[in-house]
Amino acid sequence: MTYSASRIRNHEKETWKIMNLEILTPEKKLYSGNVYGVQLPGTTGLFEVLEKHAPLVSALKAGRLKVIKDRNNQVSYFEIQGGFVEVLNNNVTVLVEGASLVEA
């Protein structure tokens, strides 16, 4: 059985996994939505979380948080102050003292 290139591309679009991300400050919810991944500034260096990541709680330092919206690398950036991240059941919750969207 053979597959056309367009059918393979459509299948890839249907099968890439997503997870839910929320970025919260004490004042407001800055981001809420489905994403492909997120890169975070941990206290000992950058780390990335993708779907089906093991449960995790980690401290974050001030720095740049990268939201990877899809497999085509459509991204958004936030400058964050220190905080914490929790990863559980494909839900990523980022709790930070303050954050702002970085315009490209």
PDB file of N, CA and C in Angstrom:
ATOM      1  N   MET A   1       0.847  -1.166   0.000  1.00  0.00           N
ATOM      2  CA  MET A   1       0.000   0.000   0.000  1.00  0.00           C
ATOM      3  C   MET A   1       0.899   1.238   0.000  1.00  0.00           C
ATOM      4  N   THR A   2       0.585   2.192  -0.849  1.00  0.00           N
ATOM      5  CA  THR A   2       1.371   3.423  -0.915  1.00  0.00           C
ATOM      6  C   THR A   2       0.507   4.600  -0.498  1.00  0.00           C
ATOM      7  N   TYR A   3       1.178   5.613   0.015  1.00  0.00           N
ATOM      8  CA  TYR A   3       0.487   6.817   0.450  1.00  0.00           C
ATOM      9  C   TYR A   3       1.040   8.005  -0.318  1.00  0.00           C
ATOM     10  N   SER A   4       0.157   8.910  -0.681  1.00  0.00           N
ATOM     11  CA  SER A   4       0.614  10.134  -1.335  1.00  0.00           C
ATOM     12  C   SER A   4       1.243  11.050  -0.301  1.00  0.00           C
ATOM     13  N   ALA A   5       2.083  11.967  -0.784  1.00  0.00           N
ATOM     14  CA  ALA A   5       2.755  12.911   0.128  1.00  0.00           C
ATOM     15  C   ALA A   5       1.733  13.749   0.880  1.00  0.00           C
ATOM     16  N   SER A   6       0.657  14.172   0.214  1.00  0.00           N
ATOM     17  CA  SER A   6      -0.337  15.010   0.888  1.00  0.00           C
ATOM     18  C   SER A   6      -1.071  14.214   1.967  1.00  0.00           C
ATOM     19  N   ARG A   7      -1.324  12.930   1.722  1.00  0.00           N
ATOM     20  CA  ARG A   7      -1.998  12.119   2.736  1.00  0.00           C
ATOM     21  C   ARG A   7      -1.100  11.932   3.957  1.00  0.00           C
ATOM     22  N   ILE A   8       0.198  11.752   3.730  1.00  0.00           N
ATOM     23  CA  ILE A   8       1.131  11.616   4.847  1.00  0.00           C
ATOM     24  C   ILE A   8       1.171  12.912   5.644  1.00  0.00           C
ATOM     25  N   ARG A   9       1.236  14.068   4.965  1.00  0.00           N
ATOM     26  CA  ARG A   9       1.250  15.355   5.664  1.00  0.00           C
ATOM     27  C   ARG A   9      -0.025  15.544   6.479  1.00  0.00           C
ATOM     28  N   ASN A  10      -1.176  15.198   5.906  1.00  0.00           N
ATOM     29  CA  ASN A  10      -2.436  15.330   6.630  1.00  0.00           C
ATOM     30  C   ASN A  10      -2.455  14.406   7.848  1.00  0.00           C
ATOM     31  N   HIS A  11      -1.915  13.199   7.708  1.00  0.00           N
ATOM     32  CA  HIS A  11      -1.861  12.272   8.839  1.00  0.00           C
ATOM     33  C   HIS A  11      -0.971  12.832   9.941  1.00  0.00           C
ATOM     34  N   GLU A  12       0.172  13.426   9.572  1.00  0.00           N
ATOM     35  CA  GLU A  12       1.062  14.015  10.567  1.00  0.00           C
ATOM     36  C   GLU A  12       0.366  15.142  11.316  1.00  0.00           C
ATOM     37  N   LYS A  13      -0.412  15.957  10.609  1.00  0.00           N
ATOM     38  CA  LYS A  13      -1.134  17.047  11.270  1.00  0.00           C
ATOM     39  C   LYS A  13      -2.135  16.502  12.276  1.00  0.00           C
ATOM     40  N   GLU A  14      -2.771  15.390  11.933  1.00  0.00           N
ATOM     41  CA  GLU A  14      -3.777  14.820  12.813  1.00  0.00           C
ATOM     42  C   GLU A  14      -3.162  14.145  14.030  1.00  0.00           C
ATOM     43  N   THR A  15      -1.930  13.633  13.907  1.00  0.00           N
ATOM     44  CA  THR A  15      -1.377  12.828  14.981  1.00  0.00           C
ATOM     45  C   THR A  15      -0.423  13.565  15.911  1.00  0.00           C
ATOM     46  N   TRP A  16       0.030  14.778  15.585  1.00  0.00           N
ATOM     47  CA  TRP A  16       0.928  15.442  16.540  1.00  0.00           C
ATOM     48  C   TRP A  16       0.150  15.793  17.785  1.00  0.00           C
ATOM     49  N   LYS A  17       0.795  15.565  18.868  1.00  0.00           N
ATOM     50  CA  LYS A  17       0.128  15.689  20.153  1.00  0.00           C
ATOM     51  C   LYS A  17       0.243  17.107  20.702  1.00  0.00           C
ATOM     52  N   ILE A  18      -0.710  17.451  21.520  1.00  0.00           N
ATOM     53  CA  ILE A  18      -0.714  18.771  22.140  1.00  0.00           C
ATOM     54  C   ILE A  18      -0.895  18.626  23.643  1.00  0.00           C
ATOM     55  N   MET A  19      -0.576  19.691  24.317  1.00  0.00           N
ATOM     56  CA  MET A  19      -0.812  19.752  25.761  1.00  0.00           C
ATOM     57  C   MET A  19      -1.349  21.135  26.066  1.00  0.00           C
ATOM     58  N   ASN A  20      -1.909  21.289  27.238  1.00  0.00           N
ATOM     59  CA  ASN A  20      -2.477  22.565  27.641  1.00  0.00           C
ATOM     60  C   ASN A  20      -1.454  23.337  28.460  1.00  0.00           C
ATOM     61  N   LEU A  21      -1.310  24.627  28.153  1.00  0.00           N
ATOM     62  CA  LEU A  21      -0.388  25.500  28.881  1.00  0.00           C
ATOM     63  C   LEU A  21      -1.148  26.684  29.439  1.00  0.00           C
ATOM     64  N   GLU A  22      -0.867  27.003  30.695  1.00  0.00           N
ATOM     65  CA  GLU A  22      -1.376  28.223  31.317  1.00  0.00           C
ATOM     66  C   GLU A  22      -0.205  28.955  31.952  1.00  0.00           C
ATOM     67  N   ILE A  23      -0.121  30.257  31.684  1.00  0.00           N
ATOM     68  CA  ILE A  23       0.880  31.115  32.317  1.00  0.00           C
ATOM     69  C   ILE A  23       0.113  32.104  33.173  1.00  0.00           C
ATOM     70  N   LEU A  24       0.357  32.055  34.494  1.00  0.00           N
ATOM     71  CA  LEU A  24      -0.413  32.846  35.452  1.00  0.00           C
ATOM     72  C   LEU A  24       0.501  33.734  36.287  1.00  0.00           C
ATOM     73  N   THR A  25       0.053  34.964  36.518  1.00  0.00           N
ATOM     74  CA  THR A  25       0.695  35.857  37.475  1.00  0.00           C
ATOM     75  C   THR A  25      -0.328  36.118  38.584  1.00  0.00           C
ATOM     76  N   PRO A  26       0.078  36.746  39.674  1.00  0.00           N
ATOM     77  CA  PRO A  26      -0.913  37.063  40.712  1.00  0.00           C
ATOM     78  C   PRO A  26      -2.040  37.972  40.194  1.00  0.00           C
ATOM     79  N   GLU A  27      -1.759  38.752  39.162  1.00  0.00           N
ATOM     80  CA  GLU A  27      -2.759  39.699  38.653  1.00  0.00           C
ATOM     81  C   GLU A  27      -3.690  39.127  37.587  1.00  0.00           C
ATOM     82  N   LYS A  28      -3.140  38.221  36.719  1.00  0.00           N
ATOM     83  CA  LYS A  28      -3.970  37.769  35.600  1.00  0.00           C
ATOM     84  C   LYS A  28      -3.417  36.513  34.946  1.00  0.00           C
ATOM     85  N   LYS A  29      -4.234  35.941  34.070  1.00  0.00           N
ATOM     86  CA  LYS A  29      -3.835  34.821  33.232  1.00  0.00           C
ATOM     87  C   LYS A  29      -3.273  35.409  31.939  1.00  0.00           C
ATOM     88  N   LEU A  30      -1.985  35.168  31.678  1.00  0.00           N
ATOM     89  CA  LEU A  30      -1.344  35.727  30.487  1.00  0.00           C
ATOM     90  C   LEU A  30      -1.528  34.853  29.258  1.00  0.00           C
ATOM     91  N   TYR A  31      -1.633  33.565  29.467  1.00  0.00           N
ATOM     92  CA  TYR A  31      -1.747  32.659  28.312  1.00  0.00           C
ATOM     93  C   TYR A  31      -2.506  31.417  28.750  1.00  0.00           C
ATOM     94  N   SER A  32      -3.370  30.942  27.870  1.00  0.00           N
ATOM     95  CA  SER A  32      -4.061  29.682  28.091  1.00  0.00           C
ATOM     96  C   SER A  32      -4.382  29.090  26.731  1.00  0.00           C
ATOM     97  N   GLY A  33      -3.886  27.892  26.473  1.00  0.00           N
ATOM     98  CA  GLY A  33      -4.177  27.271  25.195  1.00  0.00           C
ATOM     99  C   GLY A  33      -3.389  25.996  24.985  1.00  0.00           C
ATOM    100  N   ASN A  34      -3.685  25.345  23.879  1.00  0.00           N
ATOM    101  CA  ASN A  34      -2.998  24.123  23.502  1.00  0.00           C
ATOM    102  C   ASN A  34      -1.705  24.463  22.787  1.00  0.00           C
ATOM    103  N   VAL A  35      -0.633  23.756  23.135  1.00  0.00           N
ATOM    104  CA  VAL A  35       0.683  24.002  22.557  1.00  0.00           C
ATOM    105  C   VAL A  35       1.361  22.676  22.247  1.00  0.00           C
ATOM    106  N   TYR A  36       2.402  22.754  21.439  1.00  0.00           N
ATOM    107  CA  TYR A  36       3.229  21.589  21.133  1.00  0.00           C
ATOM    108  C   TYR A  36       4.286  21.380  22.211  1.00  0.00           C
ATOM    109  N   GLY A  37       4.807  22.482  22.759  1.00  0.00           N
ATOM    110  CA  GLY A  37       5.841  22.381  23.784  1.00  0.00           C
ATOM    111  C   GLY A  37       6.121  23.734  24.400  1.00  0.00           C
ATOM    112  N   VAL A  38       6.943  23.720  25.432  1.00  0.00           N
ATOM    113  CA  VAL A  38       7.331  24.960  26.100  1.00  0.00           C
ATOM    114  C   VAL A  38       8.755  24.802  26.609  1.00  0.00           C
ATOM    115  N   GLN A  39       9.564  25.856  26.414  1.00  0.00           N
ATOM    116  CA  GLN A  39      10.931  25.883  26.923  1.00  0.00           C
ATOM    117  C   GLN A  39      10.977  26.871  28.078  1.00  0.00           C
ATOM    118  N   LEU A  40      11.559  26.439  29.185  1.00  0.00           N
ATOM    119  CA  LEU A  40      11.497  27.201  30.431  1.00  0.00           C
ATOM    120  C   LEU A  40      12.885  27.460  31.005  1.00  0.00           C
ATOM    121  N   PRO A  41      13.066  28.618  31.680  1.00  0.00           N
ATOM    122  CA  PRO A  41      14.350  28.918  32.311  1.00  0.00           C
ATOM    123  C   PRO A  41      14.417  28.368  33.737  1.00  0.00           C
ATOM    124  N   GLY A  42      14.862  27.140  33.871  1.00  0.00           N
ATOM    125  CA  GLY A  42      15.000  26.536  35.190  1.00  0.00           C
ATOM    126  C   GLY A  42      16.154  27.158  35.962  1.00  0.00           C
ATOM    127  N   THR A  43      16.204  26.903  37.234  1.00  0.00           N
ATOM    128  CA  THR A  43      17.258  27.500  38.058  1.00  0.00           C
ATOM    129  C   THR A  43      18.647  26.992  37.695  1.00  0.00           C
ATOM    130  N   THR A  44      18.738  25.810  37.082  1.00  0.00           N
ATOM    131  CA  THR A  44      20.044  25.286  36.669  1.00  0.00           C
ATOM    132  C   THR A  44      20.220  25.265  35.153  1.00  0.00           C
ATOM    133  N   GLY A  45      19.292  25.886  34.418  1.00  0.00           N
ATOM    134  CA  GLY A  45      19.399  25.953  32.957  1.00  0.00           C
ATOM    135  C   GLY A  45      18.064  25.751  32.281  1.00  0.00           C
ATOM    136  N   LEU A  46      18.069  25.949  30.970  1.00  0.00           N
ATOM    137  CA  LEU A  46      16.846  25.791  30.182  1.00  0.00           C
ATOM    138  C   LEU A  46      16.435  24.325  30.107  1.00  0.00           C
ATOM    139  N   PHE A  47      15.121  24.087  30.099  1.00  0.00           N
ATOM    140  CA  PHE A  47      14.608  22.749  29.827  1.00  0.00           C
ATOM    141  C   PHE A  47      13.313  22.875  29.048  1.00  0.00           C
ATOM    142  N   GLU A  48      12.971  21.806  28.336  1.00  0.00           N
ATOM    143  CA  GLU A  48      11.795  21.810  27.465  1.00  0.00           C
ATOM    144  C   GLU A  48      10.836  20.714  27.886  1.00  0.00           C
ATOM    145  N   VAL A  49       9.556  21.016  27.803  1.00  0.00           N
ATOM    146  CA  VAL A  49       8.506  20.068  28.135  1.00  0.00           C
ATOM    147  C   VAL A  49       7.667  19.843  26.879  1.00  0.00           C
ATOM    148  N   LEU A  50       7.500  18.569  26.514  1.00  0.00           N
ATOM    149  CA  LEU A  50       6.644  18.172  25.402  1.00  0.00           C
ATOM    150  C   LEU A  50       5.527  17.291  25.951  1.00  0.00           C
ATOM    151  N   GLU A  51       4.577  16.921  25.088  1.00  0.00           N
ATOM    152  CA  GLU A  51       3.439  16.136  25.558  1.00  0.00           C
ATOM    153  C   GLU A  51       3.894  14.813  26.150  1.00  0.00           C
ATOM    154  N   LYS A  52       3.107  14.324  27.091  1.00  0.00           N
ATOM    155  CA  LYS A  52       3.352  13.093  27.838  1.00  0.00           C
ATOM    156  C   LYS A  52       4.606  13.170  28.700  1.00  0.00           C
ATOM    157  N   HIS A  53       5.017  14.371  29.075  1.00  0.00           N
ATOM    158  CA  HIS A  53       6.166  14.518  29.967  1.00  0.00           C
ATOM    159  C   HIS A  53       5.818  13.940  31.339  1.00  0.00           C
ATOM    160  N   ALA A  54       6.797  13.417  32.005  1.00  0.00           N
ATOM    161  CA  ALA A  54       6.591  12.896  33.358  1.00  0.00           C
ATOM    162  C   ALA A  54       6.157  14.024  34.286  1.00  0.00           C
ATOM    163  N   PRO A  55       5.396  13.711  35.332  1.00  0.00           N
ATOM    164  CA  PRO A  55       5.016  14.742  36.303  1.00  0.00           C
ATOM    165  C   PRO A  55       6.251  15.446  36.857  1.00  0.00           C
ATOM    166  N   LEU A  56       6.112  16.764  37.059  1.00  0.00           N
ATOM    167  CA  LEU A  56       7.271  17.575  37.431  1.00  0.00           C
ATOM    168  C   LEU A  56       6.811  18.831  38.145  1.00  0.00           C
ATOM    169  N   VAL A  57       7.562  19.244  39.154  1.00  0.00           N
ATOM    170  CA  VAL A  57       7.441  20.570  39.750  1.00  0.00           C
ATOM    171  C   VAL A  57       8.849  21.122  39.803  1.00  0.00           C
ATOM    172  N   SER A  58       9.038  22.346  39.301  1.00  0.00           N
ATOM    173  CA  SER A  58      10.382  22.912  39.249  1.00  0.00           C
ATOM    174  C   SER A  58      10.335  24.411  39.486  1.00  0.00           C
ATOM    175  N   ALA A  59      11.395  24.917  40.104  1.00  0.00           N
ATOM    176  CA  ALA A  59      11.549  26.365  40.266  1.00  0.00           C
ATOM    177  C   ALA A  59      12.047  26.968  38.957  1.00  0.00           C
ATOM    178  N   LEU A  60      11.635  28.208  38.718  1.00  0.00           N
ATOM    179  CA  LEU A  60      12.057  28.936  37.520  1.00  0.00           C
ATOM    180  C   LEU A  60      12.773  30.204  37.939  1.00  0.00           C
ATOM    181  N   LYS A  61      13.780  30.589  37.165  1.00  0.00           N
ATOM    182  CA  LYS A  61      14.452  31.865  37.398  1.00  0.00           C
ATOM    183  C   LYS A  61      13.964  32.868  36.359  1.00  0.00           C
ATOM    184  N   ALA A  62      14.306  34.109  36.559  1.00  0.00           N
ATOM    185  CA  ALA A  62      13.944  35.143  35.590  1.00  0.00           C
ATOM    186  C   ALA A  62      14.601  34.813  34.254  1.00  0.00           C
ATOM    187  N   GLY A  63      13.867  35.021  33.178  1.00  0.00           N
ATOM    188  CA  GLY A  63      14.402  34.727  31.853  1.00  0.00           C
ATOM    189  C   GLY A  63      13.302  34.674  30.818  1.00  0.00           C
ATOM    190  N   ARG A  64      13.626  34.063  29.698  1.00  0.00           N
ATOM    191  CA  ARG A  64      12.696  33.992  28.570  1.00  0.00           C
ATOM    192  C   ARG A  64      12.051  32.620  28.491  1.00  0.00           C
ATOM    193  N   LEU A  65      10.731  32.608  28.443  1.00  0.00           N
ATOM    194  CA  LEU A  65       9.939  31.395  28.280  1.00  0.00           C
ATOM    195  C   LEU A  65       9.502  31.343  26.825  1.00  0.00           C
ATOM    196  N   LYS A  66       9.698  30.202  26.185  1.00  0.00           N
ATOM    197  CA  LYS A  66       9.353  30.028  24.771  1.00  0.00           C
ATOM    198  C   LYS A  66       8.165  29.090  24.651  1.00  0.00           C
ATOM    199  N   VAL A  67       7.088  29.564  24.037  1.00  0.00           N
ATOM    200  CA  VAL A  67       5.902  28.748  23.789  1.00  0.00           C
ATOM    201  C   VAL A  67       5.967  28.274  22.339  1.00  0.00           C
ATOM    202  N   ILE A  68       6.026  26.958  22.158  1.00  0.00           N
ATOM    203  CA  ILE A  68       6.061  26.362  20.817  1.00  0.00           C
ATOM    204  C   ILE A  68       4.630  25.944  20.497  1.00  0.00           C
ATOM    205  N   LYS A  69       3.991  26.712  19.625  1.00  0.00           N
ATOM    206  CA  LYS A  69       2.562  26.522  19.389  1.00  0.00           C
ATOM    207  C   LYS A  69       2.242  25.329  18.508  1.00  0.00           C
ATOM    208  N   ASP A  70       3.142  24.975  17.586  1.00  0.00           N
ATOM    209  CA  ASP A  70       2.892  23.841  16.701  1.00  0.00           C
ATOM    210  C   ASP A  70       4.206  23.267  16.196  1.00  0.00           C
ATOM    211  N   ARG A  71       4.119  22.185  15.425  1.00  0.00           N
ATOM    212  CA  ARG A  71       5.324  21.519  14.918  1.00  0.00           C
ATOM    213  C   ARG A  71       6.059  22.346  13.887  1.00  0.00           C
ATOM    214  N   ASN A  72       5.430  23.378  13.362  1.00  0.00           N
ATOM    215  CA  ASN A  72       6.080  24.254  12.378  1.00  0.00           C
ATOM    216  C   ASN A  72       6.868  25.372  13.052  1.00  0.00           C
ATOM    217  N   ASN A  73       7.063  25.243  14.350  1.00  0.00           N
ATOM    218  CA  ASN A  73       7.837  26.199  15.146  1.00  0.00           C
ATOM    219  C   ASN A  73       7.244  27.599  15.175  1.00  0.00           C
ATOM    220  N   GLN A  74       5.926  27.710  15.133  1.00  0.00           N
ATOM    221  CA  GLN A  74       5.290  28.999  15.407  1.00  0.00           C
ATOM    222  C   GLN A  74       5.441  29.219  16.907  1.00  0.00           C
ATOM    223  N   VAL A  75       6.123  30.311  17.290  1.00  0.00           N
ATOM    224  CA  VAL A  75       6.471  30.496  18.696  1.00  0.00           C
ATOM    225  C   VAL A  75       6.043  31.866  19.213  1.00  0.00           C
ATOM    226  N   SER A  76       5.921  31.945  20.520  1.00  0.00           N
ATOM    227  CA  SER A  76       5.736  33.198  21.249  1.00  0.00           C
ATOM    228  C   SER A  76       6.732  33.182  22.399  1.00  0.00           C
ATOM    229  N   TYR A  77       7.147  34.376  22.818  1.00  0.00           N
ATOM    230  CA  TYR A  77       8.095  34.491  23.919  1.00  0.00           C
ATOM    231  C   TYR A  77       7.516  35.369  25.016  1.00  0.00           C
ATOM    232  N   PHE A  78       7.823  34.996  26.255  1.00  0.00           N
ATOM    233  CA  PHE A  78       7.461  35.792  27.422  1.00  0.00           C
ATOM    234  C   PHE A  78       8.717  36.002  28.258  1.00  0.00           C
ATOM    235  N   GLU A  79       8.916  37.223  28.732  1.00  0.00           N
ATOM    236  CA  GLU A  79       9.953  37.483  29.730  1.00  0.00           C
ATOM    237  C   GLU A  79       9.289  37.278  31.083  1.00  0.00           C
ATOM    238  N   ILE A  80       9.858  36.380  31.885  1.00  0.00           N
ATOM    239  CA  ILE A  80       9.240  36.072  33.163  1.00  0.00           C
ATOM    240  C   ILE A  80      10.169  36.424  34.317  1.00  0.00           C
ATOM    241  N   GLN A  81       9.552  36.705  35.444  1.00  0.00           N
ATOM    242  CA  GLN A  81      10.287  36.800  36.701  1.00  0.00           C
ATOM    243  C   GLN A  81      10.280  35.401  37.306  1.00  0.00           C
ATOM    244  N   GLY A  82      10.901  35.209  38.435  1.00  0.00           N
ATOM    245  CA  GLY A  82      10.966  33.892  39.037  1.00  0.00           C
ATOM    246  C   GLY A  82       9.594  33.308  39.334  1.00  0.00           C
ATOM    247  N   GLY A  83       9.556  31.993  39.455  1.00  0.00           N
ATOM    248  CA  GLY A  83       8.303  31.325  39.760  1.00  0.00           C
ATOM    249  C   GLY A  83       8.461  29.820  39.777  1.00  0.00           C
ATOM    250  N   PHE A  84       7.387  29.120  39.430  1.00  0.00           N
ATOM    251  CA  PHE A  84       7.364  27.663  39.453  1.00  0.00           C
ATOM    252  C   PHE A  84       6.584  27.141  38.261  1.00  0.00           C
ATOM    253  N   VAL A  85       6.862  25.888  37.895  1.00  0.00           N
ATOM    254  CA  VAL A  85       6.089  25.204  36.868  1.00  0.00           C
ATOM    255  C   VAL A  85       5.667  23.847  37.418  1.00  0.00           C
ATOM    256  N   GLU A  86       4.432  23.463  37.074  1.00  0.00           N
ATOM    257  CA  GLU A  86       3.931  22.129  37.395  1.00  0.00           C
ATOM    258  C   GLU A  86       3.506  21.464  36.105  1.00  0.00           C
ATOM    259  N   VAL A  87       3.941  20.221  35.907  1.00  0.00           N
ATOM    260  CA  VAL A  87       3.548  19.420  34.744  1.00  0.00           C
ATOM    261  C   VAL A  87       2.831  18.191  35.271  1.00  0.00           C
ATOM    262  N   LEU A  88       1.591  17.988  34.810  1.00  0.00           N
ATOM    263  CA  LEU A  88       0.807  16.846  35.265  1.00  0.00           C
ATOM    264  C   LEU A  88      -0.275  16.532  34.240  1.00  0.00           C
ATOM    265  N   ASN A  89      -0.273  15.300  33.754  1.00  0.00           N
ATOM    266  CA  ASN A  89      -1.314  14.825  32.828  1.00  0.00           C
ATOM    267  C   ASN A  89      -1.502  15.739  31.610  1.00  0.00           C
ATOM    268  N   ASN A  90      -0.405  16.088  30.954  1.00  0.00           N
ATOM    269  CA  ASN A  90      -0.430  16.934  29.755  1.00  0.00           C
ATOM    270  C   ASN A  90      -0.954  18.349  30.021  1.00  0.00           C
ATOM    271  N   ASN A  91      -0.897  18.775  31.267  1.00  0.00           N
ATOM    272  CA  ASN A  91      -1.226  20.149  31.633  1.00  0.00           C
ATOM    273  C   ASN A  91       0.012  20.783  32.244  1.00  0.00           C
ATOM    274  N   VAL A  92       0.398  21.939  31.698  1.00  0.00           N
ATOM    275  CA  VAL A  92       1.558  22.663  32.196  1.00  0.00           C
ATOM    276  C   VAL A  92       1.053  23.983  32.768  1.00  0.00           C
ATOM    277  N   THR A  93       1.316  24.202  34.056  1.00  0.00           N
ATOM    278  CA  THR A  93       0.907  25.436  34.714  1.00  0.00           C
ATOM    279  C   THR A  93       2.159  26.173  35.162  1.00  0.00           C
ATOM    280  N   VAL A  94       2.320  27.399  34.670  1.00  0.00           N
ATOM    281  CA  VAL A  94       3.460  28.234  35.015  1.00  0.00           C
ATOM    282  C   VAL A  94       2.950  29.351  35.924  1.00  0.00           C
ATOM    283  N   LEU A  95       3.478  29.402  37.136  1.00  0.00           N
ATOM    284  CA  LEU A  95       3.099  30.429  38.116  1.00  0.00           C
ATOM    285  C   LEU A  95       4.309  31.339  38.314  1.00  0.00           C
ATOM    286  N   VAL A  96       4.183  32.604  37.925  1.00  0.00           N
ATOM    287  CA  VAL A  96       5.321  33.526  38.006  1.00  0.00           C
ATOM    288  C   VAL A  96       4.914  34.831  38.680  1.00  0.00           C
ATOM    289  N   GLU A  97       5.897  35.504  39.263  1.00  0.00           N
ATOM    290  CA  GLU A  97       5.660  36.794  39.920  1.00  0.00           C
ATOM    291  C   GLU A  97       5.221  37.862  38.929  1.00  0.00           C
ATOM    292  N   GLY A  98       5.757  37.802  37.738  1.00  0.00           N
ATOM    293  CA  GLY A  98       5.402  38.769  36.706  1.00  0.00           C
ATOM    294  C   GLY A  98       5.885  38.265  35.369  1.00  0.00           C
ATOM    295  N   ALA A  99       5.266  38.719  34.297  1.00  0.00           N
ATOM    296  CA  ALA A  99       5.658  38.301  32.954  1.00  0.00           C
ATOM    297  C   ALA A  99       5.093  39.264  31.942  1.00  0.00           C
ATOM    298  N   SER A 100       5.735  39.329  30.801  1.00  0.00           N
ATOM    299  CA  SER A 100       5.220  40.149  29.702  1.00  0.00           C
ATOM    300  C   SER A 100       5.536  39.472  28.380  1.00  0.00           C
ATOM    301  N   LEU A 101       4.640  39.631  27.430  1.00  0.00           N
ATOM    302  CA  LEU A 101       4.820  39.085  26.091  1.00  0.00           C
ATOM    303  C   LEU A 101       5.919  39.879  25.395  1.00  0.00           C
ATOM    304  N   VAL A 102       6.841  39.164  24.753  1.00  0.00           N
ATOM    305  CA  VAL A 102       7.902  39.796  23.988  1.00  0.00           C
ATOM    306  C   VAL A 102       7.454  39.886  22.541  1.00  0.00           C
ATOM    307  N   GLU A 103       7.366  41.088  22.015  1.00  0.00           N
ATOM    308  CA  GLU A 103       6.976  41.278  20.625  1.00  0.00           C
ATOM    309  C   GLU A 103       8.125  40.905  19.701  1.00  0.00           C
ATOM    310  N   ALA A 104       7.815  40.190  18.645  1.00  0.00           N
ATOM    311  CA  ALA A 104       8.861  39.727  17.700  1.00  0.00           C
ATOM    312  C   ALA A 104       9.391  40.863  16.849  1.00  0.00           C
TER     313      ALA A 104
END
